[in-house]
Amino acid sequence: QEDKKQLTLKVEELERKLESTSAQNREFLQVIAKREESIHQCQLRLDEKTRECSSLARQLEMAIEDAKRQVEQTRERAMSRERAAQSKMLDLETQLSRNKTELNQLRRSKDDAEHRYESHLQDLKDRLEQSESTNRSMQNYVQFLKSSYANVF
């Protein structure tokens, strides 16, 4: 009877441990589900940022091409005016001076625009890298949780 009583106590203790372990399992499953949802949300945000970066990169490329075309068109117009005005020396000097000023302004505008776009692109790259780093950290944490969960059982 004493052995039976001891076995009954052991069974009760094991049942309490089993219940405690089951509760912990449920808690771990809830934590994992929350982490997975968080990772999913981060992935959605990362996808959106990636689309934004691609869109901005395309806009930057189009703006650079437009600026190059404008500079090329300006150069062609300046050359055409120069050839047409060769017979009038005074008009040629005045027009040449105006064209040089305009070309310098366009170059400065182009350089300023390129600098702004490059700076913005670098900022977007940095934010994407930070987002990827955060995603990797979250993935490592989830992997840690999974391995911890596996080790518990």
Protein backbone atom coordinates (compact mmCIF):
# COMPACT_ATOMS: atom_id res chain seq x y z
CA GLN A 1 0.00 0.00 0.00
CA GLU A 2 2.91 2.32 0.77
CA ASP A 3 4.37 1.59 -2.70
CA LYS A 4 1.00 2.27 -4.23
CA LYS A 5 0.78 5.58 -2.38
CA GLN A 6 4.27 6.57 -3.53
CA LEU A 7 3.45 5.60 -7.11
CA THR A 8 0.23 7.61 -6.92
CA LEU A 9 2.19 10.65 -5.70
CA LYS A 10 4.70 10.20 -8.50
CA VAL A 11 1.88 9.93 -11.05
CA GLU A 12 0.29 13.10 -9.70
CA GLU A 13 3.64 14.90 -9.80
CA LEU A 14 4.22 13.74 -13.38
CA GLU A 15 0.71 14.87 -14.34
CA ARG A 16 1.42 18.34 -12.88
CA LYS A 17 4.69 18.49 -14.80
CA LEU A 18 2.89 17.38 -17.96
CA GLU A 19 0.25 20.06 -17.45
CA SER A 20 2.95 22.69 -16.82
CA THR A 21 4.84 21.59 -19.91
CA SER A 22 1.65 21.70 -21.97
CA ALA A 23 0.97 25.23 -20.75
CA GLN A 24 4.51 26.22 -21.68
CA ASN A 25 4.03 24.64 -25.11
CA ARG A 26 0.88 26.68 -25.64
CA GLU A 27 2.72 29.84 -24.60
CA PHE A 28 5.62 29.04 -26.93
CA LEU A 29 3.22 28.38 -29.77
CA GLN A 30 1.55 31.74 -29.15
CA VAL A 31 4.92 33.50 -29.06
CA ILE A 32 6.01 31.76 -32.25
CA ALA A 33 2.74 32.66 -33.96
CA LYS A 34 3.19 36.30 -32.96
CA ARG A 35 6.79 36.27 -34.19
CA GLU A 36 5.78 34.70 -37.46
CA GLU A 37 3.10 37.34 -37.93
CA SER A 38 5.64 40.04 -37.13
CA ILE A 39 8.07 38.56 -39.64
CA HIS A 40 5.30 38.40 -42.21
CA GLN A 41 4.46 42.07 -41.64
CA CYS A 42 8.14 42.99 -41.89
CA GLN A 43 8.41 41.03 -45.13
CA LEU A 44 5.40 42.90 -46.52
CA ARG A 45 6.96 46.22 -45.55
CA LEU A 46 10.27 45.13 -47.07
CA ASP A 47 8.51 44.17 -50.30
CA GLU A 48 6.81 47.57 -50.38
CA LYS A 49 10.12 49.36 -49.78
CA THR A 50 11.73 47.27 -52.51
CA ARG A 51 9.00 48.30 -54.93
CA GLU A 52 9.47 51.92 -53.88
CA CYS A 53 13.22 51.68 -54.44
CA SER A 54 12.70 50.17 -57.88
CA SER A 55 10.23 52.89 -58.80
CA LEU A 56 12.52 55.64 -57.57
CA ALA A 57 15.48 54.11 -59.40
CA ARG A 58 13.47 54.10 -62.64
CA GLN A 59 12.43 57.70 -62.05
CA LEU A 60 16.05 58.63 -61.39
CA GLU A 61 17.20 56.94 -64.59
CA MET A 62 14.50 58.72 -66.60
CA ALA A 63 15.39 62.07 -65.03
CA ILE A 64 19.09 61.56 -65.81
CA GLU A 65 18.28 60.61 -69.40
CA ASP A 66 16.02 63.67 -69.73
CA ALA A 67 18.79 65.89 -68.36
CA LYS A 68 21.29 64.38 -70.81
CA ARG A 69 18.87 64.92 -73.69
CA GLN A 70 18.28 68.50 -72.61
CA VAL A 71 22.01 69.17 -72.40
CA GLU A 72 22.53 67.56 -75.80
CA GLN A 73 19.66 69.54 -77.30
CA THR A 74 21.05 72.72 -75.77
CA ARG A 75 24.48 71.98 -77.23
CA GLU A 76 22.97 71.30 -80.65
CA ARG A 77 20.95 74.53 -80.53
CA ALA A 78 24.04 76.47 -79.49
CA MET A 79 26.06 75.04 -82.38
CA SER A 80 23.28 75.73 -84.84
CA ARG A 81 23.00 79.34 -83.66
CA GLU A 82 26.76 79.74 -83.86
CA ARG A 83 26.87 78.56 -87.49
CA ALA A 84 23.89 80.75 -88.44
CA ALA A 85 25.37 83.83 -86.78
CA GLN A 86 28.95 83.59 -88.12
CA SER A 87 28.31 86.46 -90.56
CA LYS A 88 27.50 88.83 -87.70
CA MET A 89 30.49 89.02 -85.35
CA LEU A 90 28.93 91.21 -82.72
CA ASP A 91 25.76 89.08 -82.59
CA LEU A 92 27.95 85.95 -82.41
CA GLU A 93 29.83 87.23 -79.32
CA THR A 94 26.61 88.22 -77.55
CA GLN A 95 24.88 84.96 -78.38
CA LEU A 96 27.94 82.89 -77.47
CA SER A 97 28.13 84.58 -74.10
CA ARG A 98 24.43 83.87 -73.46
CA ASN A 99 24.78 80.23 -74.52
CA LYS A 100 27.79 79.67 -72.26
CA THR A 101 25.89 81.08 -69.29
CA GLU A 102 22.85 78.93 -70.07
CA LEU A 103 25.01 75.83 -70.54
CA ASN A 104 26.79 76.41 -67.23
CA GLN A 105 23.46 76.85 -65.48
CA LEU A 106 22.16 73.66 -67.06
CA ARG A 107 25.31 71.81 -66.06
CA ARG A 108 24.99 73.08 -62.50
CA SER A 109 21.31 72.13 -62.48
CA LYS A 110 22.15 68.71 -63.91
CA ASP A 111 24.97 68.20 -61.38
CA ASP A 112 22.72 69.33 -58.53
CA ALA A 113 19.92 67.03 -59.69
CA GLU A 114 22.30 64.08 -60.08
CA HIS A 115 23.74 64.72 -56.64
CA ARG A 116 20.28 64.87 -55.05
CA TYR A 117 19.14 61.72 -56.84
CA GLU A 118 22.33 59.84 -55.94
CA SER A 119 22.03 60.93 -52.34
CA HIS A 120 18.38 59.84 -52.26
CA LEU A 121 19.26 56.51 -53.88
CA GLN A 122 22.03 55.92 -51.33
CA ASP A 123 19.58 56.73 -48.54
CA LEU A 124 17.12 54.22 -49.95
CA LYS A 125 19.88 51.61 -50.24
CA ASP A 126 20.87 52.23 -46.63
CA ARG A 127 17.27 51.87 -45.47
CA LEU A 128 16.88 48.68 -47.49
CA GLU A 129 20.07 47.28 -45.97
CA GLN A 130 18.85 48.19 -42.49
CA SER A 131 15.51 46.54 -43.22
CA GLU A 132 17.26 43.41 -44.48
CA SER A 133 19.46 43.37 -41.37
CA THR A 134 16.38 43.64 -39.15
CA ASN A 135 14.74 40.83 -41.11
CA ARG A 136 17.81 38.64 -40.67
CA SER A 137 17.87 39.38 -36.94
CA MET A 138 14.20 38.42 -36.66
CA GLN A 139 14.80 35.24 -38.64
CA ASN A 140 17.71 34.34 -36.36
CA TYR A 141 15.52 34.99 -33.32
CA VAL A 142 12.74 32.79 -34.69
CA GLN A 143 15.32 30.09 -35.42
CA PHE A 144 16.54 30.43 -31.83
CA LEU A 145 12.98 30.10 -30.57
CA LYS A 146 12.41 27.04 -32.74
CA SER A 147 15.60 25.38 -31.56
CA SER A 148 14.78 26.28 -27.95
CA TYR A 149 11.32 24.81 -28.43
CA ALA A 150 12.84 21.69 -29.97
CA ASN A 151 15.32 21.39 -27.08
CA VAL A 152 12.52 21.66 -24.51
CA PHE A 153 10.84 18.62 -26.01
